[in-house]
Amino acid sequence: MDRRTTFKARLMPALAMLAGAALATTTALPAATAAPAARSAATTSPLADIGLLANAYGTRLAGGDIPAGSGRTAFAVMGCSAHLGASRSNHLAAIDIPSFGTISGVTTKVWSAKQGGSVHSYARSSTAEVRLVQSGLGRLSLRGVTSLAHAWYDGKRFHSQTTSSVAKLVFTPPAGDPQVLPLPAPGQPITVPGLATIRVGGSKKVVDRRHALAFAVGLRVHIIPTDSTLWVSRGAAQAVAGVLNGKFAGYSAGTEVNVAGGLLTSGRNPASYMPCQGTDGRLQGADDLDVNAGGGLHIEAVSSKQWAKRGAHASKAWEQGSVSGVNLGDGALVVSAVVGRATVTRGAKGPVTRSTAGTRIGSITANGERQDLPLDQTLEIPGLAKLQPAVVTKVAGGLKVIGLRITLLDGSGAVIDLGVAKTTIRK
């Protein structure tokens, strides 16, 4: 078997794992919705500068000895919606995560509404069942887990509210009939020896004169054999003031993987979503040390960063996704230092300006040979992959940049995006 064949054989199981771990999780991007054109009357309303945000997912598994790509399932996002009645939803029929178990019947919905003189943001998540993998100690099933997060503004004050519920916990011993376990009380977890420690519910509510945040989770489970943590049915809703003169939106991620023409996608890893009010000039983001999917796919130092600030005469924001290195096929293709950055500036009256400054690629080595890849050229490695640097897309009110897009040339349709950044500023 030659090196190119070995590359494909080793890489595809990893791509299958990444794709399978996010089956049916394609979602609308968290873009801001433009306010109605007729604003003269609206600007005098106490509701005119309120932004509504929400996100929800069914499950998220992190930490310990777990496969990469088992991030947020059925993720739904509403990013800084000024359009009352906006709604986004997602669902997941079933997913099998190796060495963990099966997740089924996930539905999520985020939406905004106006009720009388109040504006509301909602996030709801429901998970029918999480069934942990069978072990010598038995099997644990978590059923009917739901959560609802609600934040709103009534024209005078902000408010937040959360609810969560669990229908049933079922333990099946190695020999014998299934047993329905008593539900733990809030703040009083229960432990199934050798399997898991289970905490029901969990919420966070923050309210001040400028914003309201509501965060709810149905279950949090520490899985003992893998030393990992599972969040089940999580939602977050926000209402924030001060977004009248330009609404920020966008996201950044170190990696995104797409297989079979967009039918299957992996989650953004790690993802940072721009708050609609910006970051007030503060740098924020998320970092992962490494992503090792097995099968010859290894990604190092994955990162997402963002910055935004509203000024008296102009607003400016940028998103940046980066990875320090990617090793595909156990060395068949090695890429270092990929950065994608999208910067947008919007003047109070002037047009939007866009920039890709900061986007770069360190080095590329294919089959042991160093390759040159200027940002304005495409490199094709016969039988292995096509490499497209600085993939830039102009979007309404902003810009999307992919530092490097790798398309496998084995007929699978697999696409690996590195250094992903999207930034928009809307009026």
Protein backbone atom coordinates (compact mmCIF):
# COMPACT_ATOMS: atom_id res chain seq x y z
CA MET A 1 0.00 0.00 0.00
CA ASP A 2 1.52 3.37 -1.02
CA ARG A 3 1.60 6.45 1.20
CA ARG A 4 -1.40 8.10 -0.48
CA THR A 5 -3.56 5.01 0.05
CA THR A 6 -2.38 4.84 3.66
CA PHE A 7 -3.34 8.49 4.11
CA LYS A 8 -6.93 7.83 3.00
CA ALA A 9 -7.31 4.64 5.00
CA ARG A 10 -6.15 6.29 8.21
CA LEU A 11 -7.95 9.59 7.79
CA MET A 12 -11.47 8.51 6.85
CA PRO A 13 -12.35 6.83 10.19
CA ALA A 14 -11.51 10.10 11.92
CA LEU A 15 -13.68 12.09 9.53
CA ALA A 16 -16.50 9.62 10.00
CA MET A 17 -16.23 10.11 13.77
CA LEU A 18 -16.30 13.87 13.44
CA ALA A 19 -19.24 13.83 11.06
CA GLY A 20 -21.20 11.28 13.03
CA ALA A 21 -20.74 13.17 16.26
CA ALA A 22 -22.67 16.09 14.81
CA LEU A 23 -25.23 14.38 12.62
CA ALA A 24 -28.10 16.71 11.82
CA THR A 25 -26.58 19.66 13.65
CA THR A 26 -26.47 22.13 10.78
CA THR A 27 -27.79 25.44 12.06
CA ALA A 28 -28.36 28.98 10.94
CA LEU A 29 -25.39 31.19 11.58
CA PRO A 30 -25.82 33.66 14.42
CA ALA A 31 -26.35 36.66 12.17
CA ALA A 32 -28.06 39.84 13.27
CA THR A 33 -31.47 40.56 11.80
CA ALA A 34 -31.84 44.01 10.33
CA ALA A 35 -34.31 46.30 12.02
CA PRO A 36 -37.26 47.63 9.97
CA ALA A 37 -36.42 50.52 7.69
CA ALA A 38 -38.93 52.87 9.32
CA ARG A 39 -37.19 53.64 12.63
CA SER A 40 -38.13 57.25 13.31
CA ALA A 41 -40.91 56.28 15.70
CA ALA A 42 -39.08 53.22 17.06
CA THR A 43 -36.07 55.21 18.21
CA THR A 44 -38.22 56.97 20.79
CA SER A 45 -39.41 53.68 22.27
CA PRO A 46 -37.73 52.26 25.40
CA LEU A 47 -37.62 48.94 23.53
CA ALA A 48 -35.75 50.32 20.50
CA ASP A 49 -32.21 49.52 21.66
CA ILE A 50 -32.91 46.07 23.16
CA GLY A 51 -31.10 43.12 21.61
CA LEU A 52 -32.38 39.57 22.13
CA LEU A 53 -30.02 36.57 22.07
CA ALA A 54 -30.45 32.87 22.75
CA ASN A 55 -28.83 29.50 22.15
CA ALA A 56 -29.64 25.91 23.05
CA TYR A 57 -28.26 22.42 22.59
CA GLY A 58 -29.28 18.90 23.52
CA THR A 59 -26.05 17.48 24.90
CA ARG A 60 -22.39 18.35 25.27
CA LEU A 61 -19.69 15.92 26.34
CA ALA A 62 -16.30 17.19 27.46
CA GLY A 63 -13.18 16.23 29.38
CA GLY A 64 -11.58 12.94 30.22
CA ASP A 65 -11.11 10.03 27.86
CA ILE A 66 -13.71 10.80 25.16
CA PRO A 67 -13.59 11.03 21.35
CA ALA A 68 -13.19 14.42 19.70
CA GLY A 69 -16.21 15.81 17.93
CA SER A 70 -18.72 14.90 20.64
CA GLY A 71 -19.63 18.52 21.25
CA ARG A 72 -23.00 20.29 21.17
CA THR A 73 -25.81 18.31 19.52
CA ALA A 74 -28.74 20.02 17.74
CA PHE A 75 -27.21 23.44 18.42
CA ALA A 76 -29.57 26.37 17.69
CA VAL A 77 -28.56 30.04 17.86
CA MET A 78 -30.40 33.36 17.68
CA GLY A 79 -27.77 36.06 17.60
CA CYS A 80 -28.81 39.59 18.51
CA SER A 81 -32.26 39.59 16.97
CA ALA A 82 -34.06 42.91 16.80
CA HIS A 83 -36.83 41.28 14.78
CA LEU A 84 -39.57 40.18 17.15
CA GLY A 85 -40.94 36.83 16.12
CA ALA A 86 -37.56 35.45 15.01
CA SER A 87 -37.30 31.70 15.56
CA ARG A 88 -34.70 29.00 14.92
CA SER A 89 -34.82 25.33 15.77
CA ASN A 90 -32.82 22.13 15.35
CA HIS A 91 -33.23 18.44 16.02
CA LEU A 92 -31.34 15.17 16.22
CA ALA A 93 -32.95 11.78 15.72
CA ALA A 94 -30.12 9.68 17.17
CA ILE A 95 -26.35 9.60 17.49
CA ASP A 96 -23.99 6.89 18.69
CA ILE A 97 -20.77 8.18 20.26
CA PRO A 98 -18.07 5.48 20.52
CA SER A 99 -17.06 4.53 24.08
CA PHE A 100 -19.89 6.66 25.49
CA GLY A 101 -23.38 5.60 24.43
CA THR A 102 -26.43 6.77 22.49
CA ILE A 103 -28.30 10.09 22.43
CA SER A 104 -31.76 10.22 20.86
CA GLY A 105 -34.75 12.50 20.38
CA VAL A 106 -33.12 15.93 20.77
CA THR A 107 -35.09 19.07 19.88
CA THR A 108 -34.02 22.68 20.44
CA LYS A 109 -35.70 26.02 19.76
CA VAL A 110 -34.73 29.66 20.31
CA TRP A 111 -37.09 32.55 19.63
CA SER A 112 -38.06 36.14 20.39
CA ALA A 113 -41.48 37.67 20.98
CA LYS A 114 -43.29 40.83 21.98
CA GLN A 115 -46.05 40.57 24.58
CA GLY A 116 -47.78 43.84 25.37
CA GLY A 117 -45.07 46.32 26.24
CA SER A 118 -42.37 43.67 26.83
CA VAL A 119 -39.81 41.97 24.57
CA HIS A 120 -38.75 38.41 25.30
CA SER A 121 -35.97 35.96 24.45
CA TYR A 122 -36.42 32.20 24.94
CA ALA A 123 -34.25 29.06 24.69
CA ARG A 124 -35.75 25.59 25.05
CA SER A 125 -34.07 22.17 24.86
CA SER A 126 -35.52 18.68 25.16
CA THR A 127 -33.69 15.32 25.10
CA ALA A 128 -35.74 12.12 24.96
CA GLU A 129 -33.00 9.74 26.13
CA VAL A 130 -29.30 9.47 26.89
CA ARG A 131 -28.23 5.84 27.24
CA LEU A 132 -24.72 5.28 28.54
CA VAL A 133 -22.72 2.39 27.13
CA GLN A 134 -23.15 -0.98 28.82
CA SER A 135 -20.44 -1.85 31.33
CA GLY A 136 -19.81 -4.69 33.73
CA LEU A 137 -21.68 -2.69 36.37
CA GLY A 138 -24.80 -2.21 34.24
CA ARG A 139 -26.38 0.50 32.09
CA LEU A 140 -27.78 3.92 32.97
CA SER A 141 -30.53 5.70 30.98
CA LEU A 142 -31.57 9.36 31.43
CA ARG A 143 -35.01 10.10 29.98
CA GLY A 144 -37.20 13.10 29.30
CA VAL A 145 -34.79 15.93 30.13
CA THR A 146 -35.97 19.48 29.38
CA SER A 147 -34.95 23.05 30.17
CA LEU A 148 -36.28 26.53 29.41
CA ALA A 149 -34.40 29.84 29.77
CA HIS A 150 -36.31 33.12 29.50
CA ALA A 151 -35.03 36.72 29.60
CA TRP A 152 -37.10 39.84 28.97
CA TYR A 153 -37.45 43.60 29.29
CA ASP A 154 -40.78 45.23 30.21
CA GLY A 155 -39.91 48.81 29.24
CA LYS A 156 -38.62 49.60 32.73
CA ARG A 157 -36.70 46.64 34.10
CA PHE A 158 -34.98 43.44 32.99
CA HIS A 159 -36.08 39.99 34.20
CA SER A 160 -34.92 36.36 33.91
CA GLN A 161 -36.46 32.96 34.65
CA THR A 162 -35.43 29.31 34.28
CA THR A 163 -37.13 25.93 34.58
CA SER A 164 -35.91 22.35 34.10
CA SER A 165 -37.28 18.85 34.57
CA VAL A 166 -36.32 15.18 34.28
CA ALA A 167 -38.87 12.43 33.70
CA LYS A 168 -36.94 9.33 34.72
CA LEU A 169 -33.56 7.79 35.59
CA VAL A 170 -33.36 4.06 34.83
CA PHE A 171 -30.57 1.71 35.95
CA THR A 172 -30.33 -1.76 34.43
CA PRO A 173 -28.00 -4.11 36.35
CA PRO A 174 -25.98 -6.81 34.56
CA ALA A 175 -28.55 -9.36 35.73
CA GLY A 176 -32.09 -8.42 36.64
CA ASP A 177 -34.86 -6.03 35.71
CA PRO A 178 -34.46 -2.29 35.10
CA GLN A 179 -34.82 -0.11 38.19
CA VAL A 180 -36.28 3.41 38.23
CA LEU A 181 -34.04 5.53 40.46
CA PRO A 182 -35.36 8.37 42.60
CA LEU A 183 -34.59 11.77 41.08
CA PRO A 184 -31.94 13.71 42.96
CA ALA A 185 -33.02 16.96 44.59
CA PRO A 186 -31.40 20.19 43.38
CA GLY A 187 -27.98 20.49 44.99
CA GLN A 188 -28.05 16.87 46.16
CA PRO A 189 -26.48 14.64 43.48
CA ILE A 190 -26.81 10.89 43.47
CA THR A 191 -24.07 8.42 42.51
CA VAL A 192 -24.50 5.10 40.76
CA PRO A 193 -21.29 3.37 41.95
CA GLY A 194 -18.77 2.92 39.16
CA LEU A 195 -21.02 4.55 36.55
CA ALA A 196 -21.99 8.17 37.15
CA THR A 197 -22.77 11.01 39.53
CA ILE A 198 -25.95 12.83 38.50
CA ARG A 199 -27.01 16.39 39.31
CA VAL A 200 -30.50 17.48 38.34
CA GLY A 201 -31.01 21.00 37.11
CA GLY A 202 -28.73 23.95 37.36
CA SER A 203 -29.40 27.58 36.59
CA LYS A 204 -27.87 31.01 36.54
CA LYS A 205 -29.83 34.26 36.54
CA VAL A 206 -28.19 37.66 36.26
CA VAL A 207 -30.21 40.88 36.14
CA ASP A 208 -29.09 44.50 36.28
CA ARG A 209 -30.26 47.74 34.75
CA ARG A 210 -28.60 46.99 31.39
CA HIS A 211 -29.24 43.31 30.77
CA ALA A 212 -30.75 40.01 31.85
CA LEU A 213 -29.23 36.54 31.47
CA ALA A 214 -30.99 33.22 32.06
CA PHE A 215 -29.08 29.93 31.87
CA ALA A 216 -30.64 26.51 32.47
CA VAL A 217 -29.49 22.90 32.19
CA GLY A 218 -31.61 19.80 32.75
CA LEU A 219 -28.91 17.41 33.94
CA ARG A 220 -25.19 17.40 34.58
CA VAL A 221 -23.60 13.95 34.69
CA HIS A 222 -20.05 13.04 35.71
CA ILE A 223 -19.27 9.78 33.92
CA ILE A 224 -16.93 7.87 36.20
CA PRO A 225 -15.31 5.34 33.80
CA THR A 226 -14.18 8.08 31.36
CA ASP A 227 -13.84 10.95 33.90
CA SER A 228 -15.90 13.15 31.57
CA THR A 229 -18.85 15.49 32.06
CA LEU A 230 -22.13 15.44 30.14
CA TRP A 231 -24.52 18.40 30.04
CA VAL A 232 -28.06 17.48 28.96
CA SER A 233 -30.68 19.95 27.65
CA ARG A 234 -29.00 23.32 28.08
CA GLY A 235 -30.35 26.74 27.07
CA ALA A 236 -29.36 30.37 27.54
CA ALA A 237 -31.34 33.54 26.82
CA GLN A 238 -30.36 37.20 27.07
CA ALA A 239 -31.90 40.63 26.69
CA VAL A 240 -29.42 43.51 26.52
CA ALA A 241 -29.66 47.29 26.17
CA GLY A 242 -27.46 49.64 24.19
CA VAL A 243 -27.52 48.07 20.71
CA LEU A 244 -29.34 50.85 18.84
CA ASN A 245 -26.38 52.17 16.86
CA GLY A 246 -25.03 49.03 15.24
CA LYS A 247 -25.48 45.39 16.19
CA PHE A 248 -22.43 43.14 16.17
CA ALA A 249 -22.66 39.51 15.12
CA GLY A 250 -20.44 36.69 13.92
CA TYR A 251 -18.38 33.80 15.19
CA SER A 252 -14.93 32.26 15.05
CA ALA A 253 -13.63 28.70 15.30
CA GLY A 254 -10.35 26.90 14.87
CA THR A 255 -11.90 24.10 12.80
CA GLU A 256 -15.04 23.04 10.96
CA VAL A 257 -15.38 19.76 9.07
CA ASN A 258 -17.88 19.16 6.28
CA VAL A 259 -18.57 15.80 4.66
CA ALA A 260 -20.72 14.89 1.65
CA GLY A 261 -21.57 18.32 0.37
CA GLY A 262 -22.83 19.76 3.63
CA LEU A 263 -25.18 16.92 4.58
CA LEU A 264 -23.02 16.14 7.60
CA THR A 265 -20.97 18.64 9.58
CA SER A 266 -18.91 18.68 12.73
CA GLY A 267 -19.33 21.36 15.33
CA ARG A 268 -17.18 24.47 15.35
CA ASN A 269 -14.26 23.81 17.64
CA PRO A 270 -13.90 25.82 19.84
CA ALA A 271 -16.62 28.31 18.96
CA SER A 272 -16.86 31.94 20.07
CA TYR A 273 -20.04 33.88 19.21
CA MET A 274 -20.00 37.67 19.12
CA PRO A 275 -22.36 39.36 21.62
CA CYS A 276 -24.68 41.77 19.82
CA GLN A 277 -23.45 44.63 22.02
CA GLY A 278 -19.80 43.76 21.22
CA THR A 279 -17.07 43.13 23.79
CA ASP A 280 -16.56 46.77 24.87
CA GLY A 281 -13.00 46.66 23.58
CA ARG A 282 -12.07 43.50 25.51
CA LEU A 283 -10.38 40.51 23.87
CA GLN A 284 -12.24 37.28 24.56
CA GLY A 285 -12.44 33.79 23.12
CA ALA A 286 -11.87 30.10 23.70
CA ASP A 287 -8.94 27.69 23.47
CA ASP A 288 -8.49 23.93 23.18
CA LEU A 289 -5.03 22.45 23.68
CA ASP A 290 -5.37 19.63 21.14
CA VAL A 291 -7.98 17.70 19.21
CA ASN A 292 -6.95 14.09 18.60
CA ALA A 293 -9.67 12.27 16.67
CA GLY A 294 -7.64 9.12 16.11
CA GLY A 295 -7.31 7.55 12.68
CA GLY A 296 -4.47 9.90 11.75
CA LEU A 297 -6.21 13.25 12.31
CA HIS A 298 -4.55 15.47 14.92
CA ILE A 299 -5.06 19.23 15.38
CA GLU A 300 -2.96 21.27 17.80
CA ALA A 301 -3.71 24.44 19.80
CA VAL A 302 -7.15 25.24 18.37
CA SER A 303 -8.33 28.75 19.21
CA SER A 304 -11.03 31.37 18.57
CA LYS A 305 -10.76 35.06 19.48
CA GLN A 306 -12.96 38.13 19.09
CA TRP A 307 -12.94 41.87 19.77
CA ALA A 308 -15.49 44.63 19.17
CA LYS A 309 -16.01 48.23 20.22
CA ARG A 310 -18.62 50.85 19.45
CA GLY A 311 -17.27 54.39 18.99
CA ALA A 312 -18.88 57.80 18.68
CA HIS A 313 -18.24 57.92 14.93
CA ALA A 314 -17.59 54.29 13.97
CA SER A 315 -17.89 50.72 15.24
CA LYS A 316 -15.21 48.09 14.66
CA ALA A 317 -15.04 44.33 15.25
CA TRP A 318 -12.99 41.30 14.34
CA GLU A 319 -13.20 37.54 14.71
CA GLN A 320 -10.21 35.19 14.45
CA GLY A 321 -9.92 31.41 14.26
CA SER A 322 -6.56 29.66 14.38
CA VAL A 323 -4.72 26.36 14.76
CA SER A 324 -1.02 25.92 15.39
CA GLY A 325 -0.76 22.67 13.46
CA VAL A 326 -2.66 19.92 11.63
CA ASN A 327 -1.39 16.42 10.96
CA LEU A 328 -3.46 14.38 8.51
CA GLY A 329 -2.78 10.75 7.66
CA ASP A 330 -0.03 10.38 10.28
CA GLY A 331 2.27 12.81 8.50
CA ALA A 332 1.05 12.53 4.91
CA LEU A 333 -0.01 16.19 5.11
CA VAL A 334 1.26 18.59 7.78
CA VAL A 335 0.15 22.22 8.04
CA SER A 336 1.33 24.75 10.61
CA ALA A 337 0.15 28.13 11.91
CA VAL A 338 -3.16 28.77 10.12
CA VAL A 339 -4.99 31.99 11.00
CA GLY A 340 -8.20 33.42 9.54
CA ARG A 341 -9.27 36.92 10.59
CA ALA A 342 -12.26 38.98 9.45
CA THR A 343 -12.29 42.67 10.42
CA VAL A 344 -15.24 45.00 9.79
CA THR A 345 -15.65 48.73 10.42
CA ARG A 346 -18.93 50.61 10.05
CA GLY A 347 -19.09 54.40 10.24
CA ALA A 348 -22.08 56.19 11.69
CA LYS A 349 -23.08 57.31 8.20
CA GLY A 350 -20.46 55.79 5.91
CA PRO A 351 -20.22 52.39 4.24
CA VAL A 352 -18.90 49.15 5.72
CA THR A 353 -15.19 48.45 5.20
CA ARG A 354 -13.83 44.90 5.28
CA SER A 355 -10.31 43.54 5.82
CA THR A 356 -8.60 40.13 5.88
CA ALA A 357 -5.40 41.49 7.46
CA GLY A 358 -3.90 38.95 9.84
CA THR A 359 -4.93 35.94 7.75
CA ARG A 360 -1.88 33.75 7.14
CA ILE A 361 -0.45 30.23 6.78
CA GLY A 362 2.88 29.12 8.23
CA SER A 363 4.04 26.08 6.25
CA ILE A 364 2.74 23.04 4.36
CA THR A 365 4.49 19.69 4.00
CA ALA A 366 3.05 16.92 1.81
CA ASN A 367 4.59 13.45 1.81
CA GLY A 368 7.71 14.89 3.42
CA GLU A 369 8.18 17.71 0.90
CA ARG A 370 7.78 21.40 1.75
CA GLN A 371 5.19 23.17 -0.42
CA ASP A 372 4.81 26.88 -1.17
CA LEU A 373 1.29 28.29 -0.97
CA PRO A 374 0.76 32.03 -1.51
CA LEU A 375 -2.58 33.30 -0.19
CA ASP A 376 -3.84 34.00 -3.71
CA GLN A 377 -3.17 30.53 -5.15
CA THR A 378 -4.63 27.03 -4.86
CA LEU A 379 -2.39 24.00 -4.39
CA GLU A 380 -3.44 20.53 -5.50
CA ILE A 381 -1.61 17.45 -4.28
CA PRO A 382 -2.63 14.71 -6.74
CA GLY A 383 -4.59 11.93 -5.09
CA LEU A 384 -4.48 13.60 -1.67
CA ALA A 385 -6.05 17.01 -1.30
CA LYS A 386 -6.75 20.44 -2.72
CA LEU A 387 -5.62 23.34 -0.53
CA GLN A 388 -7.33 26.74 -0.86
CA PRO A 389 -5.90 29.54 1.30
CA ALA A 390 -7.79 32.66 2.35
CA VAL A 391 -11.29 31.69 1.21
CA VAL A 392 -13.13 35.01 1.50
CA THR A 393 -16.88 35.61 1.23
CA LYS A 394 -18.53 39.03 1.36
CA VAL A 395 -21.72 38.89 3.46
CA ALA A 396 -24.33 41.51 4.29
CA GLY A 397 -22.74 43.98 6.67
CA GLY A 398 -19.49 42.07 6.91
CA LEU A 399 -17.09 39.34 5.88
CA LYS A 400 -16.33 35.64 6.29
CA VAL A 401 -12.78 34.30 6.07
CA ILE A 402 -11.44 30.73 6.10
CA GLY A 403 -7.69 30.64 6.64
CA LEU A 404 -7.25 27.33 4.80
CA ARG A 405 -9.74 24.96 3.21
CA ILE A 406 -8.59 21.37 2.64
CA THR A 407 -10.70 19.26 0.27
CA LEU A 408 -9.87 15.55 0.09
CA LEU A 409 -9.54 14.15 -3.42
CA ASP A 410 -10.73 10.63 -2.65
CA GLY A 411 -14.35 11.05 -3.70
CA SER A 412 -15.64 11.46 -0.14
CA GLY A 413 -16.40 15.15 -0.50
CA ALA A 414 -14.74 15.81 2.87
CA VAL A 415 -13.79 19.43 3.53
CA ILE A 416 -11.72 20.62 6.50
CA ASP A 417 -11.85 24.36 7.20
CA LEU A 418 -9.09 25.81 9.39
CA GLY A 419 -9.11 29.28 10.93
CA VAL A 420 -12.76 30.27 10.43
CA ALA A 421 -13.98 33.82 11.15
CA LYS A 422 -17.18 35.69 10.33
CA THR A 423 -17.89 39.29 11.38
CA THR A 424 -20.85 41.57 10.69
CA ILE A 425 -22.02 44.96 11.96
CA ARG A 426 -25.62 45.85 11.16
CA LYS A 427 -27.50 49.08 11.74
